[in-house]
């Protein structure tokens, strides 16, 4: 009898217990981003684009309202493990060269092994590699490409974009200038709900939940 009990306990101790994690947002995670200029919300036009009438103020804002996380995915003090990352296809260099680049991946160009796409300027063609050797370009989302950027290194995507963390109301300022009048700027936003998610804990049969939502906003400067 004791032998049978020992075998039963042995098998029960090896059985994986099913662990049910609450969803990241107690339901559906959602994002709502708006464009602000001169403290006024800009409504989209019939094409869904946002027209900013430049009036001397040299920045506009993107503000977000995010779905709240389940309390399990917040710190003990209630700080949510959430992040919004902002990027754009619009760059400034030499303080008077403005240019746009195609985005080969959501935040950056890291699906391409080279940065040799020609960038016309006057009678010259530059590439991002050329510009990195002269002066690191500045993205209007508020970050600068490192001088010795290794685009093939696995950490490279972490070096681009501007990030707003631990808040349900992320806000990012974007550089604006009269040189941009007539241009269309693509804004890219990646929102991560539960930045600590995606981890498999020992004995669990599923990872902790993590959800990512991508948004794109077109801003026309008039």
N, C-alpha and C. Protein backbone atom coordinates (compact mmCIF):
# COMPACT_ATOMS: atom_id res chain seq x y z
N UNK A 1 0.83 -1.21 0.00
CA UNK A 1 0.00 0.00 0.00
C UNK A 1 0.87 1.26 0.00
N UNK A 2 1.95 1.21 0.82
CA UNK A 2 2.85 2.35 0.87
C UNK A 2 3.54 2.57 -0.46
N UNK A 3 3.87 1.46 -1.15
CA UNK A 3 4.54 1.55 -2.45
C UNK A 3 3.63 2.19 -3.47
N UNK A 4 2.36 1.82 -3.48
CA UNK A 4 1.40 2.42 -4.42
C UNK A 4 1.21 3.90 -4.15
N UNK A 5 1.18 4.28 -2.88
CA UNK A 5 1.03 5.68 -2.51
C UNK A 5 2.23 6.49 -2.97
N UNK A 6 3.45 5.90 -2.84
CA UNK A 6 4.67 6.58 -3.27
C UNK A 6 4.66 6.81 -4.78
N UNK A 7 4.23 5.82 -5.54
CA UNK A 7 4.16 5.95 -7.00
C UNK A 7 3.16 7.02 -7.39
N UNK A 8 2.02 7.06 -6.71
CA UNK A 8 1.00 8.07 -7.01
C UNK A 8 1.53 9.47 -6.75
N UNK A 9 2.25 9.63 -5.63
CA UNK A 9 2.82 10.94 -5.31
C UNK A 9 3.89 11.33 -6.31
N UNK A 10 4.66 10.35 -6.77
CA UNK A 10 5.72 10.61 -7.74
C UNK A 10 5.14 11.14 -9.05
N UNK A 11 4.09 10.50 -9.54
CA UNK A 11 3.48 10.93 -10.80
C UNK A 11 2.79 12.28 -10.64
N UNK A 12 2.15 12.51 -9.49
CA UNK A 12 1.46 13.78 -9.30
C UNK A 12 2.45 14.94 -9.22
N UNK A 13 3.65 14.71 -8.67
CA UNK A 13 4.65 15.77 -8.56
C UNK A 13 5.24 16.13 -9.90
N UNK A 14 5.16 15.24 -10.90
CA UNK A 14 5.72 15.50 -12.22
C UNK A 14 4.69 16.08 -13.18
N UNK A 15 3.46 16.17 -12.76
CA UNK A 15 2.40 16.68 -13.63
C UNK A 15 2.47 18.20 -13.69
N UNK A 16 2.52 18.76 -14.91
CA UNK A 16 2.57 20.21 -15.09
C UNK A 16 1.20 20.81 -14.77
N UNK A 17 1.20 21.79 -13.90
CA UNK A 17 -0.05 22.43 -13.53
C UNK A 17 -0.41 23.50 -14.56
N UNK A 18 -1.64 23.51 -14.99
CA UNK A 18 -2.07 24.52 -15.96
C UNK A 18 -2.16 25.88 -15.28
N UNK A 19 -1.50 26.87 -15.87
CA UNK A 19 -1.50 28.23 -15.32
C UNK A 19 -2.24 29.15 -16.28
N UNK A 20 -3.24 29.81 -15.79
CA UNK A 20 -4.01 30.73 -16.63
C UNK A 20 -3.63 32.16 -16.26
N UNK A 21 -2.99 32.86 -17.20
CA UNK A 21 -2.61 34.25 -16.97
C UNK A 21 -3.76 35.16 -17.38
N UNK A 22 -4.07 36.17 -16.57
CA UNK A 22 -5.06 37.16 -17.02
C UNK A 22 -4.58 37.85 -18.29
N UNK A 23 -5.51 38.25 -19.16
CA UNK A 23 -5.12 38.98 -20.36
C UNK A 23 -4.48 40.30 -19.95
N UNK A 24 -3.66 40.86 -20.84
CA UNK A 24 -2.87 42.05 -20.50
C UNK A 24 -3.75 43.21 -20.05
N UNK A 25 -4.92 43.34 -20.66
CA UNK A 25 -5.74 44.54 -20.41
C UNK A 25 -7.13 44.22 -19.87
N UNK A 26 -7.31 43.08 -19.23
CA UNK A 26 -8.65 42.69 -18.78
C UNK A 26 -9.62 42.71 -19.95
N UNK A 27 -9.16 42.32 -21.10
CA UNK A 27 -9.99 42.37 -22.30
C UNK A 27 -9.14 42.75 -23.50
N UNK A 28 -9.57 43.77 -24.23
CA UNK A 28 -8.88 44.19 -25.44
C UNK A 28 -8.00 45.41 -25.18
N UNK A 29 -6.72 45.30 -25.54
CA UNK A 29 -5.83 46.46 -25.45
C UNK A 29 -6.10 47.37 -26.65
N UNK A 30 -6.08 48.67 -26.42
CA UNK A 30 -6.38 49.62 -27.50
C UNK A 30 -5.57 50.89 -27.30
N UNK A 31 -5.36 51.60 -28.41
CA UNK A 31 -4.63 52.88 -28.39
C UNK A 31 -5.46 53.95 -29.08
N UNK A 32 -5.28 55.18 -28.63
CA UNK A 32 -5.94 56.32 -29.26
C UNK A 32 -4.95 57.48 -29.26
N UNK A 33 -4.38 57.80 -30.44
CA UNK A 33 -3.39 58.87 -30.56
C UNK A 33 -3.98 60.04 -31.34
N UNK A 34 -3.68 61.25 -30.88
CA UNK A 34 -4.17 62.46 -31.54
C UNK A 34 -3.00 63.40 -31.77
N UNK A 35 -3.20 64.34 -32.71
CA UNK A 35 -2.19 65.34 -33.06
C UNK A 35 -2.57 66.67 -32.40
N UNK A 36 -1.60 67.29 -31.74
CA UNK A 36 -1.83 68.56 -31.04
C UNK A 36 -0.89 69.62 -31.61
N UNK A 37 -1.43 70.80 -31.92
CA UNK A 37 -0.59 71.94 -32.31
C UNK A 37 -1.15 73.19 -31.66
N UNK A 38 -0.28 73.97 -31.04
CA UNK A 38 -0.68 75.16 -30.29
C UNK A 38 -1.78 74.83 -29.28
N UNK A 39 -1.60 73.71 -28.59
CA UNK A 39 -2.53 73.24 -27.55
C UNK A 39 -3.93 72.94 -28.08
N UNK A 40 -4.06 72.79 -29.38
CA UNK A 40 -5.35 72.47 -29.99
C UNK A 40 -5.26 71.12 -30.71
N UNK A 41 -6.27 70.30 -30.51
CA UNK A 41 -6.30 69.01 -31.19
C UNK A 41 -6.65 69.22 -32.66
N UNK A 42 -5.87 68.59 -33.54
CA UNK A 42 -6.10 68.66 -34.98
C UNK A 42 -6.96 67.46 -35.40
N UNK A 43 -8.06 67.72 -36.05
CA UNK A 43 -8.93 66.64 -36.50
C UNK A 43 -8.48 66.16 -37.88
N UNK A 44 -8.59 64.88 -38.17
CA UNK A 44 -8.17 64.37 -39.48
C UNK A 44 -9.07 64.88 -40.60
N UNK A 45 -8.49 65.03 -41.80
CA UNK A 45 -9.29 65.44 -42.96
C UNK A 45 -10.02 64.23 -43.53
N UNK A 46 -10.64 64.38 -44.68
CA UNK A 46 -11.45 63.32 -45.28
C UNK A 46 -10.61 62.10 -45.66
N UNK A 47 -9.30 62.29 -45.82
CA UNK A 47 -8.41 61.18 -46.15
C UNK A 47 -7.78 60.54 -44.92
N UNK A 48 -8.14 61.06 -43.74
CA UNK A 48 -7.56 60.53 -42.51
C UNK A 48 -6.21 61.10 -42.18
N UNK A 49 -5.78 62.16 -42.90
CA UNK A 49 -4.50 62.81 -42.64
C UNK A 49 -4.72 64.04 -41.75
N UNK A 50 -3.65 64.43 -41.06
CA UNK A 50 -3.74 65.57 -40.14
C UNK A 50 -2.99 66.75 -40.74
N UNK A 51 -3.67 67.87 -40.93
CA UNK A 51 -3.07 69.05 -41.53
C UNK A 51 -2.69 70.05 -40.44
N UNK A 52 -1.40 70.32 -40.32
CA UNK A 52 -0.89 71.27 -39.33
C UNK A 52 -0.55 72.56 -40.05
N UNK A 53 -1.22 73.63 -39.68
CA UNK A 53 -1.00 74.95 -40.28
C UNK A 53 0.12 75.64 -39.49
N UNK A 54 1.33 75.63 -40.07
CA UNK A 54 2.47 76.18 -39.34
C UNK A 54 2.27 77.66 -39.04
N UNK A 55 2.45 78.00 -37.76
CA UNK A 55 2.18 79.37 -37.33
C UNK A 55 3.32 79.91 -36.48
N UNK A 56 4.53 79.37 -36.72
CA UNK A 56 5.69 79.86 -35.99
C UNK A 56 6.11 78.99 -34.83
N UNK A 57 5.20 78.17 -34.29
CA UNK A 57 5.55 77.26 -33.20
C UNK A 57 6.29 76.06 -33.79
N UNK A 58 7.52 75.80 -33.32
CA UNK A 58 8.40 74.85 -33.98
C UNK A 58 8.29 73.42 -33.47
N UNK A 59 7.11 73.02 -33.07
CA UNK A 59 6.89 71.60 -32.76
C UNK A 59 5.39 71.32 -32.74
N UNK A 60 5.05 70.08 -33.03
CA UNK A 60 3.70 69.59 -32.78
C UNK A 60 3.82 68.35 -31.90
N UNK A 61 2.71 67.91 -31.36
CA UNK A 61 2.73 66.79 -30.42
C UNK A 61 1.84 65.65 -30.89
N UNK A 62 2.23 64.44 -30.50
CA UNK A 62 1.36 63.27 -30.58
C UNK A 62 1.06 62.86 -29.15
N UNK A 63 -0.22 62.81 -28.80
CA UNK A 63 -0.62 62.39 -27.46
C UNK A 63 -1.48 61.14 -27.55
N UNK A 64 -1.29 60.25 -26.58
CA UNK A 64 -2.02 58.99 -26.60
C UNK A 64 -2.86 58.78 -25.36
N UNK A 65 -3.85 57.93 -25.50
CA UNK A 65 -4.67 57.45 -24.39
C UNK A 65 -4.72 55.93 -24.54
N UNK A 66 -4.15 55.21 -23.58
CA UNK A 66 -3.99 53.77 -23.70
C UNK A 66 -4.90 53.03 -22.72
N UNK A 67 -5.32 51.84 -23.14
CA UNK A 67 -6.12 50.98 -22.27
C UNK A 67 -5.30 50.60 -21.04
N UNK A 68 -5.94 50.57 -19.89
CA UNK A 68 -5.24 50.25 -18.65
C UNK A 68 -4.93 48.75 -18.59
N UNK A 69 -3.78 48.45 -18.01
CA UNK A 69 -3.35 47.06 -17.84
C UNK A 69 -4.04 46.41 -16.66
N UNK A 70 -4.13 45.09 -16.70
CA UNK A 70 -4.53 44.33 -15.52
C UNK A 70 -3.52 44.64 -14.41
N UNK A 71 -3.99 44.76 -13.19
CA UNK A 71 -3.12 45.16 -12.08
C UNK A 71 -1.96 44.20 -11.87
N UNK A 72 -2.09 42.96 -12.35
CA UNK A 72 -1.01 41.99 -12.20
C UNK A 72 0.22 42.41 -12.99
N UNK A 73 0.03 43.27 -14.02
CA UNK A 73 1.14 43.68 -14.89
C UNK A 73 1.56 45.12 -14.60
N UNK A 74 1.40 45.49 -13.34
CA UNK A 74 1.88 46.78 -12.83
C UNK A 74 2.78 46.51 -11.64
N UNK A 75 3.56 47.50 -11.27
CA UNK A 75 4.41 47.35 -10.09
C UNK A 75 3.55 47.39 -8.83
N UNK A 76 4.17 47.13 -7.70
CA UNK A 76 3.43 47.17 -6.44
C UNK A 76 2.87 48.55 -6.17
N UNK A 77 3.50 49.57 -6.74
CA UNK A 77 3.02 50.95 -6.57
C UNK A 77 2.00 51.33 -7.64
N UNK A 78 1.63 50.38 -8.50
CA UNK A 78 0.62 50.66 -9.52
C UNK A 78 1.17 51.23 -10.80
N UNK A 79 2.51 51.25 -10.98
CA UNK A 79 3.11 51.77 -12.21
C UNK A 79 2.95 50.73 -13.32
N UNK A 80 2.32 51.07 -14.43
CA UNK A 80 2.06 50.08 -15.48
C UNK A 80 3.31 49.78 -16.30
N UNK A 81 3.49 48.50 -16.64
CA UNK A 81 4.60 48.09 -17.51
C UNK A 81 4.15 48.27 -18.97
N UNK A 82 4.25 49.50 -19.43
CA UNK A 82 3.73 49.86 -20.74
C UNK A 82 4.70 50.83 -21.40
N UNK A 83 4.77 50.80 -22.72
CA UNK A 83 5.71 51.67 -23.44
C UNK A 83 5.17 52.04 -24.81
N UNK A 84 5.36 53.29 -25.19
CA UNK A 84 5.05 53.77 -26.54
C UNK A 84 6.35 54.25 -27.17
N UNK A 85 6.66 53.75 -28.38
CA UNK A 85 7.87 54.14 -29.10
C UNK A 85 7.47 54.91 -30.35
N UNK A 86 8.14 56.04 -30.59
CA UNK A 86 7.80 56.93 -31.69
C UNK A 86 8.96 57.02 -32.67
N UNK A 87 8.62 57.07 -33.96
CA UNK A 87 9.64 57.23 -35.00
C UNK A 87 8.99 57.98 -36.17
N UNK A 88 9.82 58.48 -37.08
CA UNK A 88 9.30 59.15 -38.28
C UNK A 88 10.26 58.89 -39.43
N UNK A 89 9.82 59.24 -40.64
CA UNK A 89 10.69 59.09 -41.81
C UNK A 89 11.32 60.42 -42.20
N UNK A 90 11.37 61.38 -41.26
CA UNK A 90 11.80 62.74 -41.59
C UNK A 90 13.03 63.09 -40.74
N UNK A 91 14.09 63.56 -41.43
CA UNK A 91 15.39 63.80 -40.80
C UNK A 91 15.91 65.20 -41.10
N UNK A 92 16.81 65.65 -40.22
CA UNK A 92 17.46 66.95 -40.38
C UNK A 92 18.96 66.75 -40.18
N UNK A 93 19.76 67.41 -41.04
CA UNK A 93 21.21 67.37 -40.88
C UNK A 93 21.78 68.69 -41.40
N UNK A 94 22.93 69.08 -40.88
CA UNK A 94 23.60 70.34 -41.24
C UNK A 94 22.74 71.55 -40.89
N UNK A 95 21.70 71.34 -40.13
CA UNK A 95 20.73 72.36 -39.71
C UNK A 95 19.96 72.97 -40.87
N UNK A 96 20.24 72.56 -42.11
CA UNK A 96 19.47 73.11 -43.23
C UNK A 96 19.15 72.07 -44.29
N UNK A 97 19.54 70.81 -44.08
CA UNK A 97 19.17 69.74 -44.99
C UNK A 97 18.04 68.93 -44.35
N UNK A 98 16.91 68.86 -45.02
CA UNK A 98 15.77 68.09 -44.57
C UNK A 98 15.55 66.96 -45.58
N UNK A 99 15.38 65.74 -45.11
CA UNK A 99 15.16 64.65 -46.06
C UNK A 99 14.31 63.57 -45.41
N UNK A 100 13.74 62.70 -46.26
CA UNK A 100 12.93 61.59 -45.80
C UNK A 100 13.52 60.29 -46.31
N UNK A 101 13.33 59.23 -45.54
CA UNK A 101 13.85 57.92 -45.92
C UNK A 101 12.73 56.89 -45.86
N UNK A 102 12.79 55.87 -46.72
CA UNK A 102 11.84 54.75 -46.57
C UNK A 102 12.17 53.97 -45.31
N UNK A 103 11.14 53.44 -44.65
CA UNK A 103 11.35 52.67 -43.43
C UNK A 103 11.23 51.19 -43.78
N UNK A 104 12.34 50.47 -43.72
CA UNK A 104 12.33 49.06 -44.11
C UNK A 104 11.76 48.16 -43.03
N UNK A 105 11.69 48.64 -41.81
CA UNK A 105 11.00 47.93 -40.74
C UNK A 105 10.23 48.96 -39.94
N UNK A 106 9.46 48.50 -38.98
CA UNK A 106 8.52 49.42 -38.34
C UNK A 106 9.23 50.59 -37.66
N UNK A 107 10.26 50.31 -36.91
CA UNK A 107 11.04 51.38 -36.28
C UNK A 107 12.48 51.29 -36.80
N UNK A 108 12.74 51.81 -37.97
CA UNK A 108 14.09 51.81 -38.50
C UNK A 108 14.21 51.11 -39.83
N UNK A 109 15.47 50.84 -40.22
CA UNK A 109 15.75 50.29 -41.56
C UNK A 109 16.42 48.94 -41.45
N UNK A 110 16.16 48.17 -40.40
CA UNK A 110 17.03 47.05 -40.07
C UNK A 110 16.72 45.76 -40.82
N UNK A 111 15.78 45.78 -41.76
CA UNK A 111 15.63 44.64 -42.66
C UNK A 111 16.50 44.81 -43.89
N UNK A 112 17.20 45.93 -43.97
CA UNK A 112 18.12 46.19 -45.07
C UNK A 112 19.54 46.17 -44.52
N UNK A 113 20.44 45.48 -45.20
CA UNK A 113 21.82 45.38 -44.71
C UNK A 113 22.66 46.60 -45.04
N UNK A 114 22.12 47.51 -45.84
CA UNK A 114 22.88 48.69 -46.21
C UNK A 114 22.05 49.94 -46.00
N UNK A 115 22.73 51.07 -45.97
CA UNK A 115 22.06 52.37 -45.86
C UNK A 115 22.41 53.20 -47.08
N UNK A 116 22.41 52.56 -48.25
CA UNK A 116 22.92 53.20 -49.46
C UNK A 116 21.83 53.79 -50.35
N UNK A 117 20.61 53.95 -49.85
CA UNK A 117 19.57 54.60 -50.63
C UNK A 117 19.96 56.05 -50.87
N UNK A 118 20.08 56.49 -52.14
CA UNK A 118 20.51 57.87 -52.41
C UNK A 118 19.54 58.90 -51.86
N UNK A 119 20.09 59.96 -51.30
CA UNK A 119 19.31 61.08 -50.79
C UNK A 119 19.74 62.32 -51.58
N UNK A 120 18.92 62.79 -52.53
CA UNK A 120 19.33 63.93 -53.36
C UNK A 120 19.34 65.22 -52.56
N UNK A 121 20.36 66.03 -52.78
CA UNK A 121 20.44 67.36 -52.17
C UNK A 121 21.19 68.26 -53.12
N UNK A 122 20.47 69.16 -53.78
CA UNK A 122 21.10 70.05 -54.74
C UNK A 122 21.71 69.25 -55.89
N UNK A 123 22.99 69.47 -56.15
CA UNK A 123 23.70 68.75 -57.20
C UNK A 123 24.40 67.50 -56.69
N UNK A 124 24.10 67.10 -55.46
CA UNK A 124 24.80 65.97 -54.86
C UNK A 124 23.80 64.90 -54.43
N UNK A 125 24.28 63.68 -54.36
CA UNK A 125 23.54 62.58 -53.76
C UNK A 125 24.31 62.08 -52.54
N UNK A 126 23.61 62.02 -51.41
CA UNK A 126 24.19 61.47 -50.21
C UNK A 126 23.49 60.15 -49.90
N UNK A 127 24.08 59.34 -49.04
CA UNK A 127 23.42 58.19 -48.45
C UNK A 127 23.49 58.36 -46.94
N UNK A 128 22.74 57.55 -46.21
CA UNK A 128 22.82 57.64 -44.76
C UNK A 128 24.22 57.29 -44.26
N UNK A 129 24.90 56.38 -44.95
CA UNK A 129 26.27 56.07 -44.57
C UNK A 129 27.16 57.30 -44.73
N UNK A 130 26.97 58.06 -45.83
CA UNK A 130 27.75 59.30 -46.02
C UNK A 130 27.47 60.28 -44.88
N UNK A 131 26.20 60.44 -44.56
CA UNK A 131 25.82 61.43 -43.56
C UNK A 131 26.32 61.04 -42.17
N UNK A 132 26.33 59.74 -41.86
CA UNK A 132 26.83 59.30 -40.56
C UNK A 132 28.31 59.62 -40.41
N UNK A 133 29.05 59.65 -41.51
CA UNK A 133 30.47 59.99 -41.46
C UNK A 133 30.70 61.48 -41.26
N UNK A 134 29.69 62.29 -41.60
CA UNK A 134 29.83 63.74 -41.48
C UNK A 134 29.24 64.24 -40.17
N UNK A 135 27.96 63.94 -39.95
CA UNK A 135 27.27 64.38 -38.75
C UNK A 135 26.04 63.52 -38.57
N UNK A 136 25.83 62.89 -37.41
CA UNK A 136 24.68 62.00 -37.24
C UNK A 136 23.36 62.72 -37.50
N UNK A 137 22.50 62.19 -38.38
CA UNK A 137 21.21 62.81 -38.67
C UNK A 137 20.32 62.85 -37.43
N UNK A 138 19.46 63.85 -37.38
CA UNK A 138 18.51 64.01 -36.28
C UNK A 138 17.11 63.73 -36.79
N UNK A 139 16.44 62.78 -36.16
CA UNK A 139 15.06 62.48 -36.52
C UNK A 139 14.13 63.40 -35.75
N UNK A 140 13.09 63.92 -36.42
CA UNK A 140 12.21 64.89 -35.76
C UNK A 140 11.41 64.25 -34.63
N UNK A 141 11.48 62.91 -34.48
CA UNK A 141 10.83 62.26 -33.34
C UNK A 141 11.64 62.46 -32.06
N UNK A 142 12.84 63.07 -32.19
CA UNK A 142 13.58 63.43 -30.98
C UNK A 142 14.76 62.55 -30.65
N UNK A 143 15.37 61.93 -31.65
CA UNK A 143 16.57 61.14 -31.38
C UNK A 143 17.56 61.31 -32.53
N UNK A 144 18.80 60.94 -32.25
CA UNK A 144 19.88 61.08 -33.22
C UNK A 144 20.53 59.72 -33.44
N UNK A 145 20.86 59.42 -34.71
CA UNK A 145 21.51 58.16 -35.02
C UNK A 145 22.94 58.20 -34.50
N UNK A 146 23.39 57.18 -33.74
CA UNK A 146 24.78 57.16 -33.25
C UNK A 146 25.77 57.19 -34.40
N UNK A 147 26.90 57.83 -34.17
CA UNK A 147 27.90 58.02 -35.23
C UNK A 147 28.40 56.69 -35.78
N UNK A 148 28.64 55.71 -34.90
CA UNK A 148 29.18 54.42 -35.32
C UNK A 148 28.10 53.35 -35.28
N UNK A 149 26.93 53.64 -35.80
CA UNK A 149 25.81 52.71 -35.75
C UNK A 149 26.13 51.43 -36.53
N UNK A 150 25.96 50.29 -35.88
CA UNK A 150 26.11 48.99 -36.53
C UNK A 150 24.72 48.46 -36.87
N UNK A 151 24.32 48.65 -38.13
CA UNK A 151 22.94 48.32 -38.50
C UNK A 151 22.68 46.82 -38.49
N UNK A 152 23.74 46.00 -38.54
CA UNK A 152 23.55 44.56 -38.57
C UNK A 152 23.63 43.94 -37.17
N UNK A 153 23.93 44.74 -36.15
CA UNK A 153 24.02 44.22 -34.79
C UNK A 153 22.62 44.01 -34.22
N UNK A 154 22.42 42.96 -33.42
CA UNK A 154 21.08 42.66 -32.92
C UNK A 154 20.48 43.74 -32.02
N UNK A 155 21.35 44.57 -31.40
CA UNK A 155 20.86 45.62 -30.53
C UNK A 155 20.49 46.90 -31.28
N UNK A 156 20.77 46.95 -32.60
CA UNK A 156 20.58 48.18 -33.36
C UNK A 156 19.17 48.76 -33.25
N UNK A 157 18.10 47.95 -33.33
CA UNK A 157 16.75 48.55 -33.25
C UNK A 157 16.48 49.27 -31.94
N UNK A 158 17.21 48.94 -30.87
CA UNK A 158 16.98 49.60 -29.58
C UNK A 158 17.55 51.01 -29.56
N UNK A 159 18.36 51.38 -30.57
CA UNK A 159 19.03 52.68 -30.58
C UNK A 159 18.25 53.73 -31.37
N UNK A 160 17.13 53.34 -31.96
CA UNK A 160 16.33 54.30 -32.71
C UNK A 160 14.98 54.47 -32.04
N UNK A 161 14.35 55.60 -32.34
CA UNK A 161 13.04 55.88 -31.77
C UNK A 161 13.14 56.60 -30.43
N UNK A 162 12.06 57.28 -30.08
CA UNK A 162 11.93 57.91 -28.76
C UNK A 162 10.85 57.15 -28.00
N UNK A 163 11.03 57.02 -26.69
CA UNK A 163 10.19 56.11 -25.92
C UNK A 163 9.55 56.82 -24.73
N UNK A 164 8.29 56.52 -24.51
CA UNK A 164 7.56 57.00 -23.34
C UNK A 164 7.08 55.77 -22.58
N UNK A 165 7.53 55.64 -21.31
CA UNK A 165 7.25 54.42 -20.55
C UNK A 165 6.47 54.73 -19.28
N UNK A 166 5.74 53.71 -18.82
CA UNK A 166 5.07 53.70 -17.53
C UNK A 166 3.97 54.75 -17.40
N UNK A 167 3.33 55.09 -18.50
CA UNK A 167 2.23 56.05 -18.45
C UNK A 167 1.16 55.67 -19.46
N UNK A 168 -0.10 55.93 -19.10
CA UNK A 168 -1.22 55.68 -20.01
C UNK A 168 -1.49 56.86 -20.93
N UNK A 169 -0.78 57.96 -20.73
CA UNK A 169 -0.92 59.15 -21.59
C UNK A 169 0.44 59.54 -22.19
N UNK A 170 1.01 58.71 -23.06
CA UNK A 170 2.31 59.05 -23.64
C UNK A 170 2.22 60.28 -24.53
N UNK A 171 3.25 61.11 -24.50
CA UNK A 171 3.30 62.33 -25.30
C UNK A 171 4.69 62.47 -25.91
N UNK A 172 4.74 62.83 -27.19
CA UNK A 172 6.02 63.04 -27.87
C UNK A 172 5.95 64.31 -28.70
N UNK A 173 6.97 65.17 -28.56
CA UNK A 173 7.09 66.38 -29.38
C UNK A 173 7.85 66.06 -30.67
N UNK A 174 7.42 66.66 -31.78
CA UNK A 174 8.08 66.48 -33.07
C UNK A 174 8.51 67.85 -33.60
N UNK A 175 9.76 67.91 -34.03
CA UNK A 175 10.31 69.16 -34.56
C UNK A 175 9.51 69.63 -35.77
N UNK A 176 9.30 70.93 -35.85
CA UNK A 176 8.56 71.52 -36.96
C UNK A 176 9.29 72.78 -37.40
N UNK A 177 9.30 73.04 -38.73
CA UNK A 177 10.03 74.18 -39.26
C UNK A 177 9.34 74.64 -40.53
N UNK A 178 9.52 75.92 -40.88
CA UNK A 178 8.89 76.41 -42.10
C UNK A 178 9.43 75.73 -43.36
N UNK A 179 10.63 75.11 -43.27
CA UNK A 179 11.17 74.34 -44.39
C UNK A 179 10.30 73.12 -44.72
N UNK A 180 9.48 72.71 -43.76
CA UNK A 180 8.66 71.51 -43.94
C UNK A 180 7.31 71.80 -44.59
N UNK A 181 6.99 73.06 -44.79
CA UNK A 181 5.68 73.41 -45.37
C UNK A 181 5.52 72.72 -46.72
N UNK A 182 4.42 72.03 -46.90
CA UNK A 182 4.15 71.30 -48.14
C UNK A 182 4.54 69.84 -48.07
N UNK A 183 5.22 69.43 -46.98
CA UNK A 183 5.67 68.04 -46.86
C UNK A 183 4.66 67.20 -46.08
N UNK A 184 4.67 65.90 -46.36
CA UNK A 184 3.89 64.92 -45.61
C UNK A 184 4.84 64.08 -44.78
N UNK A 185 4.59 64.02 -43.49
CA UNK A 185 5.46 63.31 -42.56
C UNK A 185 4.74 62.06 -42.06
N UNK A 186 5.42 60.93 -42.13
CA UNK A 186 4.87 59.68 -41.62
C UNK A 186 5.37 59.46 -40.20
N UNK A 187 4.44 59.33 -39.27
CA UNK A 187 4.75 59.07 -37.88
C UNK A 187 4.43 57.60 -37.60
N UNK A 188 5.37 56.89 -36.98
CA UNK A 188 5.17 55.48 -36.65
C UNK A 188 5.18 55.33 -35.13
N UNK A 189 4.21 54.57 -34.61
CA UNK A 189 4.09 54.39 -33.16
C UNK A 189 3.93 52.90 -32.88
N UNK A 190 4.72 52.40 -31.95
CA UNK A 190 4.61 51.02 -31.51
C UNK A 190 4.34 51.01 -30.00
N UNK A 191 3.19 50.48 -29.60
CA UNK A 191 2.79 50.47 -28.19
C UNK A 191 2.86 49.05 -27.67
N UNK A 192 3.57 48.86 -26.57
CA UNK A 192 3.72 47.54 -25.97
C UNK A 192 3.00 47.50 -24.64
N UNK A 193 2.02 46.62 -24.52
CA UNK A 193 1.30 46.41 -23.28
C UNK A 193 1.94 45.24 -22.54
N UNK A 194 2.38 45.51 -21.32
CA UNK A 194 3.14 44.58 -20.48
C UNK A 194 4.51 44.31 -21.09
N UNK A 195 5.41 45.26 -20.92
CA UNK A 195 6.77 45.14 -21.44
C UNK A 195 7.54 44.01 -20.78
N UNK A 196 7.06 43.53 -19.63
CA UNK A 196 7.72 42.42 -18.94
C UNK A 196 7.13 41.08 -19.36
N UNK A 197 6.26 41.07 -20.35
CA UNK A 197 5.61 39.83 -20.77
C UNK A 197 6.45 39.02 -21.73
N UNK A 198 5.85 37.91 -22.19
CA UNK A 198 6.54 37.02 -23.11
C UNK A 198 7.53 36.10 -22.44
N UNK A 199 7.49 35.99 -21.11
CA UNK A 199 8.44 35.17 -20.36
C UNK A 199 7.78 33.85 -19.97
N UNK A 200 8.49 32.76 -20.18
CA UNK A 200 8.04 31.44 -19.75
C UNK A 200 8.62 31.15 -18.36
N UNK A 201 7.77 31.04 -17.35
CA UNK A 201 8.23 30.70 -16.01
C UNK A 201 8.20 29.18 -15.83
N UNK A 202 9.13 28.67 -15.03
CA UNK A 202 9.24 27.22 -14.83
C UNK A 202 7.94 26.67 -14.25
N UNK A 203 7.47 25.60 -14.88
CA UNK A 203 6.25 24.96 -14.41
C UNK A 203 4.99 25.52 -15.03
N UNK A 204 5.10 26.63 -15.78
CA UNK A 204 3.93 27.21 -16.44
C UNK A 204 3.82 26.65 -17.86
N UNK A 205 2.60 26.54 -18.35
CA UNK A 205 2.39 25.99 -19.69
C UNK A 205 2.14 27.07 -20.73
N UNK A 206 2.31 28.33 -20.38
CA UNK A 206 2.16 29.42 -21.33
C UNK A 206 2.95 30.63 -20.83
N UNK A 207 3.40 31.50 -21.74
CA UNK A 207 4.15 32.69 -21.30
C UNK A 207 3.22 33.75 -20.73
N UNK A 208 3.79 34.67 -20.00
CA UNK A 208 2.99 35.80 -19.54
C UNK A 208 2.59 36.64 -20.75
N UNK A 209 1.40 37.21 -20.75
CA UNK A 209 0.91 37.90 -21.96
C UNK A 209 1.64 39.19 -22.24
N UNK A 210 1.77 39.46 -23.52
CA UNK A 210 2.39 40.70 -24.00
C UNK A 210 1.74 41.03 -25.33
N UNK A 211 1.29 42.27 -25.48
CA UNK A 211 0.60 42.65 -26.71
C UNK A 211 1.22 43.92 -27.28
N UNK A 212 1.42 43.93 -28.60
CA UNK A 212 1.99 45.09 -29.29
C UNK A 212 1.03 45.57 -30.36
N UNK A 213 0.80 46.88 -30.38
CA UNK A 213 -0.07 47.51 -31.38
C UNK A 213 0.73 48.56 -32.12
N UNK A 214 0.62 48.58 -33.43
CA UNK A 214 1.32 49.58 -34.25
C UNK A 214 0.31 50.55 -34.86
N UNK A 215 0.68 51.80 -34.88
CA UNK A 215 -0.14 52.87 -35.47
C UNK A 215 0.72 53.68 -36.41
N UNK A 216 0.11 54.23 -37.46
CA UNK A 216 0.80 55.16 -38.36
C UNK A 216 -0.08 56.38 -38.57
N UNK A 217 0.53 57.56 -38.47
CA UNK A 217 -0.17 58.83 -38.61
C UNK A 217 0.53 59.64 -39.68
N UNK A 218 -0.24 60.18 -40.62
CA UNK A 218 0.29 61.07 -41.66
C UNK A 218 -0.02 62.51 -41.29
N UNK A 219 1.03 63.33 -41.22
CA UNK A 219 0.87 64.75 -40.87
C UNK A 219 1.34 65.57 -42.06
N UNK A 220 0.46 66.47 -42.53
CA UNK A 220 0.78 67.35 -43.67
C UNK A 220 1.00 68.77 -43.11
N UNK A 221 2.14 69.35 -43.41
CA UNK A 221 2.44 70.71 -42.95
C UNK A 221 2.00 71.69 -44.04
N UNK A 222 1.12 72.63 -43.68
CA UNK A 222 0.59 73.57 -44.66
C UNK A 222 0.91 75.02 -44.24
